[in-house]
Amino acid sequence: MIPAKHNLNWYQGATNSFRVQLKNKASGEPYNLTDVVDIRMQLRSAPAVKTNSVVYLTLSKTGTGIEVVNAAQGIISVKSLPTDLLEATWTEANYDLDVVWDETTTLPYLTGVVKLTPDYTR
């Protein structure tokens, strides 16, 4: 499965958030997220397969940062808090958002670049 591409512009020191409806590309129908194990998003310096890839931020449904807003309609909310990026020194990161359906099936739904504008007021 090839994920949809969506670039994000985030601001350091602020709450950054977006909502998205996950849909089947072929049918256009929303995915029912009622029984998903987890939904994860990682911001990294490079793809995970690179041995020198640095993880800048991890958000998840089972941890913090991702909430299922309407499971039947496939709507999720993704949010990073001001403290999540307070010490960030990077200005651009790659990300993807994966849905863990069960123990053997994890599929990517979104990918892109997060551009981070530095915060100057503390």
Protein backbone atom coordinates (compact mmCIF):
# COMPACT_ATOMS: atom_id res chain seq x y z
CA MET A 1 0.00 0.00 0.00
CA ILE A 2 1.32 3.44 -0.94
CA PRO A 3 0.36 6.09 1.64
CA ALA A 4 -1.09 9.48 0.78
CA LYS A 5 1.41 12.34 0.89
CA HIS A 6 0.67 15.33 3.11
CA ASN A 7 3.31 17.84 4.22
CA LEU A 8 2.87 19.69 7.52
CA ASN A 9 4.03 23.09 8.79
CA TRP A 10 4.44 23.08 12.57
CA TYR A 11 5.58 25.78 14.97
CA GLN A 12 7.92 25.05 17.88
CA GLY A 13 6.47 26.02 21.25
CA ALA A 14 2.86 25.71 20.05
CA THR A 15 0.17 23.05 19.98
CA ASN A 16 0.22 21.59 16.46
CA SER A 17 -2.74 19.49 15.42
CA PHE A 18 -4.74 18.16 12.52
CA ARG A 19 -7.66 15.83 11.89
CA VAL A 20 -7.80 13.33 9.10
CA GLN A 21 -10.29 10.79 7.83
CA LEU A 22 -8.64 7.53 6.76
CA LYS A 23 -10.35 6.17 3.66
CA ASN A 24 -9.93 3.25 1.31
CA LYS A 25 -8.37 4.75 -1.84
CA ALA A 26 -10.19 2.37 -4.18
CA SER A 27 -13.71 2.65 -2.76
CA GLY A 28 -13.56 6.02 -1.01
CA GLU A 29 -15.19 4.45 2.04
CA PRO A 30 -13.82 5.37 5.47
CA TYR A 31 -11.96 2.71 7.42
CA ASN A 32 -13.65 1.53 10.59
CA LEU A 33 -11.04 2.01 13.31
CA THR A 34 -13.04 0.43 16.14
CA ASP A 35 -10.78 -2.60 16.61
CA VAL A 36 -7.34 -1.20 15.69
CA VAL A 37 -4.51 -2.11 18.03
CA ASP A 38 -2.66 1.21 17.62
CA ILE A 39 -2.10 4.21 15.36
CA ARG A 40 1.45 5.57 15.34
CA MET A 41 3.24 8.56 13.87
CA GLN A 42 6.99 9.09 14.03
CA LEU A 43 9.04 12.09 12.99
CA ARG A 44 12.54 11.03 11.95
CA SER A 45 15.72 12.36 10.40
CA ALA A 46 15.64 9.60 7.76
CA PRO A 47 13.63 6.44 6.99
CA ALA A 48 13.60 3.84 9.78
CA VAL A 49 15.64 1.39 7.69
CA LYS A 50 18.66 3.71 7.91
CA THR A 51 20.88 2.77 10.84
CA ASN A 52 21.64 6.39 11.66
CA SER A 53 18.00 7.52 11.66
CA VAL A 54 17.13 9.72 14.66
CA VAL A 55 13.59 9.63 16.10
CA TYR A 56 12.52 13.20 16.89
CA LEU A 57 9.00 12.49 18.11
CA THR A 58 6.62 9.53 18.47
CA LEU A 59 2.87 9.99 18.80
CA SER A 60 0.43 7.11 19.24
CA LYS A 61 -3.10 6.10 20.14
CA THR A 62 -1.87 3.88 22.97
CA GLY A 63 0.52 6.57 24.21
CA THR A 64 -0.10 10.26 23.66
CA GLY A 65 -0.88 12.47 20.70
CA ILE A 66 -3.33 10.43 18.61
CA GLU A 67 -7.02 10.11 19.40
CA VAL A 68 -9.73 8.26 17.47
CA VAL A 69 -12.47 10.90 17.19
CA ASN A 70 -15.02 8.81 15.25
CA ALA A 71 -14.01 5.17 14.82
CA ALA A 72 -16.84 4.23 12.45
CA GLN A 73 -15.98 7.12 10.12
CA GLY A 74 -12.19 6.64 10.37
CA ILE A 75 -11.54 10.10 11.83
CA ILE A 76 -8.47 10.68 14.00
CA SER A 77 -6.90 13.70 15.65
CA VAL A 78 -3.12 14.11 15.80
CA LYS A 79 -1.67 16.61 18.26
CA SER A 80 1.79 17.56 19.48
CA LEU A 81 2.02 19.69 22.60
CA PRO A 82 4.38 22.66 23.04
CA THR A 83 6.59 20.57 25.34
CA ASP A 84 6.96 17.82 22.70
CA LEU A 85 9.15 20.05 20.52
CA LEU A 86 10.57 22.45 23.11
CA GLU A 87 14.16 21.21 22.74
CA ALA A 88 14.02 20.48 19.00
CA THR A 89 17.03 21.65 17.01
CA TRP A 90 15.83 20.30 13.66
CA THR A 91 13.79 22.28 11.12
CA GLU A 92 12.64 19.45 8.85
CA ALA A 93 11.67 15.84 9.55
CA ASN A 94 10.17 12.96 7.61
CA TYR A 95 7.09 11.26 9.03
CA ASP A 96 4.63 8.53 8.39
CA LEU A 97 1.42 7.52 10.10
CA ASP A 98 0.74 3.79 10.43
CA VAL A 99 -2.33 1.87 11.54
CA VAL A 100 -1.65 -1.35 13.43
CA TRP A 101 -4.67 -3.49 12.61
CA ASP A 102 -3.53 -6.62 14.42
CA GLU A 103 -0.36 -8.44 15.44
CA THR A 104 0.64 -9.11 11.83
CA THR A 105 -0.79 -6.18 9.84
CA THR A 106 0.60 -2.65 9.99
CA LEU A 107 -0.12 -0.33 7.06
CA PRO A 108 1.03 3.24 6.32
CA TYR A 109 -1.68 5.79 5.50
CA LEU A 110 0.11 9.15 5.47
CA THR A 111 3.65 10.25 4.79
CA GLY A 112 5.39 13.53 4.23
CA VAL A 113 7.65 16.21 5.65
CA VAL A 114 7.14 18.27 8.79
CA LYS A 115 8.69 21.72 8.55
CA LEU A 116 9.31 23.20 11.99
CA THR A 117 9.51 26.96 12.46
CA PRO A 118 11.69 27.77 15.48
CA ASP A 119 10.22 29.54 18.50
CA TYR A 120 12.10 32.58 19.82
CA THR A 121 10.01 33.45 22.88
CA ARG A 122 10.40 31.33 26.01
